[in-house]
């Protein structure tokens, strides 16, 4: 089917139809994006994809609303918003349009659905209280996107539509960054796995550059690894490995005697020429050369015992 019109509702907007528009305008850049509640426009027809309006969910007919009863649910009973429905039917094609490798499409589609799309669905349906985010409740993506709506006394009758179109590239940046980040982690994982194999039983993992590594270390079951070294521009970094993704606690900290020191003071404390910096929290240190950073890593491992 040749898509000529993308139709969602007019008036104030929410994150779900805005993010749906990100997906659809990428896939159908020549289609006209229309915001309306006109009965003729929101009725399924040739060349139209209708979403977040129309009170029907019929993928074959090209309509993806979730406000009707019964409302569309995932297999586990959690509710869809229009974003979830659009992602379900168009998400994989969208990933391919961003040149995600075919071997990664299914995993990234699933990961995006659970970690990015589902929270939008739950909040939009009132199935998740914003207050669960605590002091950060006002900083969630749906709230930030909806803060781009015009103020209540904006007089221009086009204010809602203009704000929606201005918010669209902002929303697009978040979706694309999330996808690109997940794709990059997949690439990094392959590189980290090679480095883990090269490290053998050693306690230090050397990487060719800075990259996400903790998930690969956990996946490999490399519990013996304590520290990571990698080049960082013109110098080299030594970092700790967190015990888990939701904790700042490291498997092992850098030596306490190095905490907060720089340059000559750190060289003296560590006896490593070229040592330049150690964070006060002891999770990262920096040196001028690979030789120096490997020596610092060796000393850090020795202190752990």
Protein backbone atom coordinates (compact mmCIF):
# COMPACT_ATOMS: atom_id res chain seq x y z
CA UNK A 1 0.00 0.00 0.00
CA UNK A 2 1.23 3.47 -0.87
CA UNK A 3 0.83 5.64 2.22
CA UNK A 4 -0.18 9.20 1.40
CA UNK A 5 -1.56 10.45 4.74
CA UNK A 6 -0.59 10.00 8.38
CA UNK A 7 -3.52 11.06 10.53
CA UNK A 8 -3.62 11.66 14.27
CA UNK A 9 -5.84 13.84 16.43
CA UNK A 10 -5.73 17.62 16.64
CA UNK A 11 -5.51 19.72 19.81
CA UNK A 12 -3.11 19.09 22.66
CA UNK A 13 -0.62 16.29 22.14
CA UNK A 14 0.92 13.54 24.24
CA UNK A 15 4.10 11.52 23.96
CA UNK A 16 2.44 8.48 22.41
CA UNK A 17 1.20 10.02 19.15
CA UNK A 18 4.27 12.25 18.95
CA UNK A 19 6.61 9.25 19.18
CA UNK A 20 4.37 7.29 16.79
CA UNK A 21 4.83 10.13 14.33
CA UNK A 22 8.60 9.77 14.65
CA UNK A 23 8.34 6.18 13.43
CA UNK A 24 5.84 6.78 10.66
CA UNK A 25 7.36 9.95 9.19
CA UNK A 26 10.68 8.12 8.92
CA UNK A 27 9.07 5.26 7.01
CA UNK A 28 6.75 7.40 4.90
CA UNK A 29 8.53 10.73 4.44
CA UNK A 30 6.38 11.70 1.46
CA UNK A 31 3.09 11.21 3.32
CA UNK A 32 1.24 14.25 4.62
CA UNK A 33 1.03 14.42 8.41
CA UNK A 34 -2.42 15.61 9.41
CA UNK A 35 -3.85 16.43 12.84
CA UNK A 36 -7.64 16.33 12.85
CA UNK A 37 -10.78 14.94 14.47
CA UNK A 38 -12.81 15.28 11.29
CA UNK A 39 -14.87 12.10 10.91
CA UNK A 40 -13.97 11.67 7.26
CA UNK A 41 -10.24 12.03 7.89
CA UNK A 42 -10.14 9.63 10.84
CA UNK A 43 -12.10 6.94 9.01
CA UNK A 44 -9.89 4.23 7.46
CA UNK A 45 -9.28 4.56 3.76
CA UNK A 46 -6.79 3.91 0.99
CA UNK A 47 -3.38 5.43 1.64
CA UNK A 48 -4.09 6.38 5.27
CA UNK A 49 -2.51 5.35 8.55
CA UNK A 50 -4.60 6.62 11.47
CA UNK A 51 -3.29 6.53 15.03
CA UNK A 52 -4.32 7.62 18.54
CA UNK A 53 -7.75 8.53 17.23
CA UNK A 54 -10.72 6.72 15.70
CA UNK A 55 -11.51 4.28 18.52
CA UNK A 56 -10.47 1.22 16.54
CA UNK A 57 -7.46 -1.03 16.29
CA UNK A 58 -7.32 -2.79 12.95
CA UNK A 59 -3.83 -3.10 11.50
CA UNK A 60 -5.09 -4.33 8.13
CA UNK A 61 -7.34 -1.27 7.85
CA UNK A 62 -4.48 1.01 8.96
CA UNK A 63 -6.01 2.31 12.20
CA UNK A 64 -4.18 2.15 15.53
CA UNK A 65 -6.14 3.62 18.44
CA UNK A 66 -6.26 2.43 22.03
CA UNK A 67 -9.01 4.53 23.63
CA UNK A 68 -11.87 2.12 22.85
CA UNK A 69 -13.25 -0.64 25.06
CA UNK A 70 -12.01 -3.27 25.17
CA UNK A 71 -8.62 -1.65 24.74
CA UNK A 72 -5.74 -3.53 23.05
CA UNK A 73 -3.46 -5.40 25.46
CA UNK A 74 -0.13 -7.14 25.24
CA UNK A 75 0.00 -10.89 25.81
CA UNK A 76 0.88 -10.22 29.46
CA UNK A 77 -2.16 -7.99 29.89
CA UNK A 78 -0.35 -4.66 29.91
CA UNK A 79 -2.03 -1.94 27.84
CA UNK A 80 -0.87 -0.51 24.55
CA UNK A 81 -0.90 3.16 23.69
CA UNK A 82 -0.77 4.18 20.05
CA UNK A 83 3.02 4.19 20.30
CA UNK A 84 3.08 0.57 21.40
CA UNK A 85 0.77 -0.42 18.55
CA UNK A 86 2.80 1.47 15.96
CA UNK A 87 6.02 -0.02 17.34
CA UNK A 88 4.52 -3.50 17.24
CA UNK A 89 3.64 -3.24 13.56
CA UNK A 90 6.27 -0.83 12.20
CA UNK A 91 9.16 -0.98 14.67
CA UNK A 92 11.24 -3.60 12.87
CA UNK A 93 10.91 -1.79 9.57
CA UNK A 94 11.93 1.41 11.34
CA UNK A 95 15.05 -0.28 12.74
CA UNK A 96 15.99 -1.47 9.28
CA UNK A 97 15.58 2.09 7.99
CA UNK A 98 18.21 3.11 10.56
CA UNK A 99 20.51 0.41 9.14
CA UNK A 100 20.39 -1.80 12.21
CA UNK A 101 21.97 -5.14 11.15
CA UNK A 102 19.33 -7.74 10.39
CA UNK A 103 20.87 -10.08 12.96
CA UNK A 104 20.14 -7.50 15.67
CA UNK A 105 16.66 -6.35 14.59
CA UNK A 106 14.62 -8.79 16.68
CA UNK A 107 16.64 -8.26 19.87
CA UNK A 108 16.70 -4.47 19.60
CA UNK A 109 13.00 -4.37 18.72
CA UNK A 110 12.25 -6.38 21.85
CA UNK A 111 14.62 -4.33 24.01
CA UNK A 112 13.16 -1.04 22.80
CA UNK A 113 9.66 -2.32 23.41
CA UNK A 114 10.34 -3.26 27.02
CA UNK A 115 12.66 -0.42 27.98
CA UNK A 116 11.42 2.55 25.94
CA UNK A 117 7.97 1.90 24.47
CA UNK A 118 6.24 0.11 27.34
CA UNK A 119 6.85 2.88 29.91
CA UNK A 120 5.24 5.36 27.48
CA UNK A 121 2.27 3.00 27.07
CA UNK A 122 1.83 2.53 30.80
CA UNK A 123 2.00 6.22 31.64
CA UNK A 124 -0.36 7.15 28.81
CA UNK A 125 -2.93 4.63 30.04
CA UNK A 126 -2.64 5.59 33.68
CA UNK A 127 -1.28 2.13 34.47
CA UNK A 128 1.88 3.60 35.98
CA UNK A 129 1.95 6.49 38.40
CA UNK A 130 4.46 9.23 37.49
CA UNK A 131 5.22 9.47 41.21
CA UNK A 132 7.17 6.18 41.03
CA UNK A 133 9.99 8.26 39.55
CA UNK A 134 10.19 10.19 42.82
CA UNK A 135 11.97 13.55 42.57
CA UNK A 136 12.63 12.82 38.89
CA UNK A 137 8.92 12.46 38.02
CA UNK A 138 8.98 15.79 36.22
CA UNK A 139 12.00 14.73 34.17
CA UNK A 140 10.55 11.64 32.49
CA UNK A 141 10.44 11.66 28.69
CA UNK A 142 6.63 11.92 28.42
CA UNK A 143 6.56 14.91 30.75
CA UNK A 144 9.43 16.63 28.96
CA UNK A 145 7.84 16.11 25.54
CA UNK A 146 4.47 17.34 26.72
CA UNK A 147 6.12 20.42 28.22
CA UNK A 148 6.65 21.50 24.60
CA UNK A 149 2.91 22.08 24.20
CA UNK A 150 1.84 25.73 23.88
CA UNK A 151 0.84 27.63 26.99
CA UNK A 152 -2.85 27.69 27.84
CA UNK A 153 -3.43 31.24 26.62
CA UNK A 154 -1.62 30.99 23.29
CA UNK A 155 -3.94 32.84 20.89
CA UNK A 156 -2.81 31.53 17.53
CA UNK A 157 -5.32 28.87 16.37
CA UNK A 158 -2.36 27.01 14.86
CA UNK A 159 -0.48 26.93 18.17
CA UNK A 160 -1.03 23.23 18.90
CA UNK A 161 -0.07 22.13 15.40
CA UNK A 162 3.01 24.35 15.32
CA UNK A 163 4.12 23.09 18.74
CA UNK A 164 3.60 19.48 17.64
CA UNK A 165 5.74 19.95 14.55
CA UNK A 166 8.42 21.73 16.60
CA UNK A 167 8.41 18.88 19.14
CA UNK A 168 8.70 16.18 16.47
CA UNK A 169 12.48 16.54 15.83
CA UNK A 170 13.07 16.61 19.59
CA UNK A 171 11.19 13.33 19.99
CA UNK A 172 12.99 11.92 16.96
CA UNK A 173 16.36 12.64 18.56
CA UNK A 174 15.44 10.61 21.65
CA UNK A 175 14.13 7.62 19.69
CA UNK A 176 17.12 7.52 17.34
CA UNK A 177 19.56 7.95 20.22
CA UNK A 178 17.95 5.02 22.05
CA UNK A 179 18.14 2.79 18.97
CA UNK A 180 21.69 3.84 18.11
CA UNK A 181 22.78 3.27 21.69
CA UNK A 182 21.37 -0.26 21.74
CA UNK A 183 22.93 -1.05 18.37
CA UNK A 184 26.27 0.27 19.62
CA UNK A 185 26.07 -1.91 22.72
CA UNK A 186 25.61 -4.93 20.47
CA UNK A 187 28.76 -3.97 18.55
CA UNK A 188 30.63 -3.32 21.77
CA UNK A 189 29.61 -6.68 23.21
CA UNK A 190 31.34 -8.54 20.39
CA UNK A 191 34.54 -6.54 20.94
CA UNK A 192 34.44 -7.01 24.72
CA UNK A 193 33.95 -10.75 24.35
CA UNK A 194 37.13 -10.92 22.26
CA UNK A 195 39.00 -8.89 24.89
CA UNK A 196 37.75 -11.18 27.68
CA UNK A 197 39.07 -14.19 25.79
CA UNK A 198 42.43 -12.45 25.37
CA UNK A 199 42.57 -11.57 29.09
CA UNK A 200 42.26 -15.21 30.09
CA UNK A 201 42.50 -15.55 33.88
CA UNK A 202 43.94 -12.06 34.28
CA UNK A 203 42.14 -9.56 36.50
CA UNK A 204 42.43 -6.64 34.06
CA UNK A 205 40.45 -6.27 30.84
CA UNK A 206 42.16 -4.21 28.13
CA UNK A 207 39.86 -2.67 25.51
CA UNK A 208 40.84 -0.92 22.27
CA UNK A 209 38.75 2.12 23.18
CA UNK A 210 36.15 3.29 25.67
CA UNK A 211 32.89 1.35 25.24
CA UNK A 212 30.07 -0.23 27.27
CA UNK A 213 31.51 -3.39 28.83
CA UNK A 214 29.68 -4.42 32.00
CA UNK A 215 26.83 -6.36 30.35
CA UNK A 216 29.29 -8.37 28.26
CA UNK A 217 31.42 -9.09 31.32
CA UNK A 218 28.33 -10.38 33.13
CA UNK A 219 27.17 -12.36 30.10
CA UNK A 220 30.57 -14.01 29.84
CA UNK A 221 30.54 -14.85 33.56
CA UNK A 222 33.93 -13.16 33.90
CA UNK A 223 33.66 -12.68 37.64
CA UNK A 224 37.44 -12.68 38.01
CA UNK A 225 37.82 -9.34 36.23
CA UNK A 226 38.27 -6.33 38.52
CA UNK A 227 39.42 -3.44 36.33
CA UNK A 228 39.31 -2.17 32.75
CA UNK A 229 41.94 -0.17 30.87
CA UNK A 230 41.57 1.59 27.55
CA UNK A 231 43.01 4.51 25.59
CA UNK A 232 41.24 7.84 26.04
CA UNK A 233 42.33 10.40 23.50
CA UNK A 234 46.00 11.12 24.20
CA UNK A 235 46.05 9.31 27.54
CA UNK A 236 44.84 6.05 29.10
CA UNK A 237 42.12 5.29 31.65
CA UNK A 238 41.80 2.68 34.39
CA UNK A 239 38.24 2.09 35.59
CA UNK A 240 36.45 -0.15 38.05
CA UNK A 241 33.63 -2.59 37.21
CA UNK A 242 30.31 -2.11 38.96
CA UNK A 243 28.81 -5.10 40.76
CA UNK A 244 25.47 -4.49 39.03
CA UNK A 245 23.74 -2.02 36.75
CA UNK A 246 21.67 -0.49 39.53
CA UNK A 247 24.55 0.04 41.96
CA UNK A 248 27.60 2.27 42.10
CA UNK A 249 29.43 -0.30 44.24
CA UNK A 250 32.47 -1.65 42.42
CA UNK A 251 33.93 -5.14 42.48
CA UNK A 252 37.08 -3.46 43.77
CA UNK A 253 38.05 0.18 44.29
CA UNK A 254 41.30 1.79 43.26
CA UNK A 255 43.84 2.22 46.09
CA UNK A 256 42.74 4.61 48.82
CA UNK A 257 46.17 6.26 48.83
CA UNK A 258 45.52 7.55 45.29
CA UNK A 259 42.14 9.17 45.99
CA UNK A 260 41.88 12.74 44.72
CA UNK A 261 45.54 13.03 43.72
CA UNK A 262 46.92 14.41 40.47
CA UNK A 263 50.23 14.67 38.64
CA UNK A 264 53.32 14.71 40.87
CA UNK A 265 51.36 13.84 44.01
CA UNK A 266 49.84 10.79 42.34
CA UNK A 267 53.18 9.77 40.83
CA UNK A 268 54.67 9.85 44.32
CA UNK A 269 51.80 7.94 45.93
CA UNK A 270 51.70 5.26 43.24
CA UNK A 271 55.38 5.19 42.25
CA UNK A 272 54.20 5.24 38.62
CA UNK A 273 55.78 7.89 36.36
CA UNK A 274 53.10 9.33 34.12
CA UNK A 275 50.18 8.85 36.52
CA UNK A 276 48.09 12.02 36.23
CA UNK A 277 44.71 11.66 37.99
CA UNK A 278 42.65 9.53 40.34
CA UNK A 279 39.06 10.43 41.16
CA UNK A 280 38.30 11.00 44.82
CA UNK A 281 35.66 8.24 44.62
CA UNK A 282 38.34 5.83 43.32
CA UNK A 283 36.46 4.56 40.26
CA UNK A 284 38.76 6.00 37.58
CA UNK A 285 42.43 6.87 37.20
CA UNK A 286 44.33 8.31 34.24
CA UNK A 287 47.90 8.00 33.03
CA UNK A 288 49.90 9.32 30.10
CA UNK A 289 50.78 5.95 28.55
CA UNK A 290 49.66 2.35 28.22
CA UNK A 291 52.70 1.20 30.19
CA UNK A 292 51.85 3.53 33.05
CA UNK A 293 48.17 2.59 33.20
CA UNK A 294 48.95 -1.13 33.10
CA UNK A 295 51.36 -0.64 36.00
CA UNK A 296 48.64 1.20 37.94
CA UNK A 297 46.22 -1.63 37.18
CA UNK A 298 48.78 -4.16 38.41
CA UNK A 299 49.18 -2.27 41.67
CA UNK A 300 45.40 -1.95 42.11
CA UNK A 301 44.98 -5.72 41.66
CA UNK A 302 47.80 -6.42 44.11
CA UNK A 303 46.12 -4.27 46.76
CA UNK A 304 42.88 -6.19 46.41
CA UNK A 305 44.81 -9.40 46.99
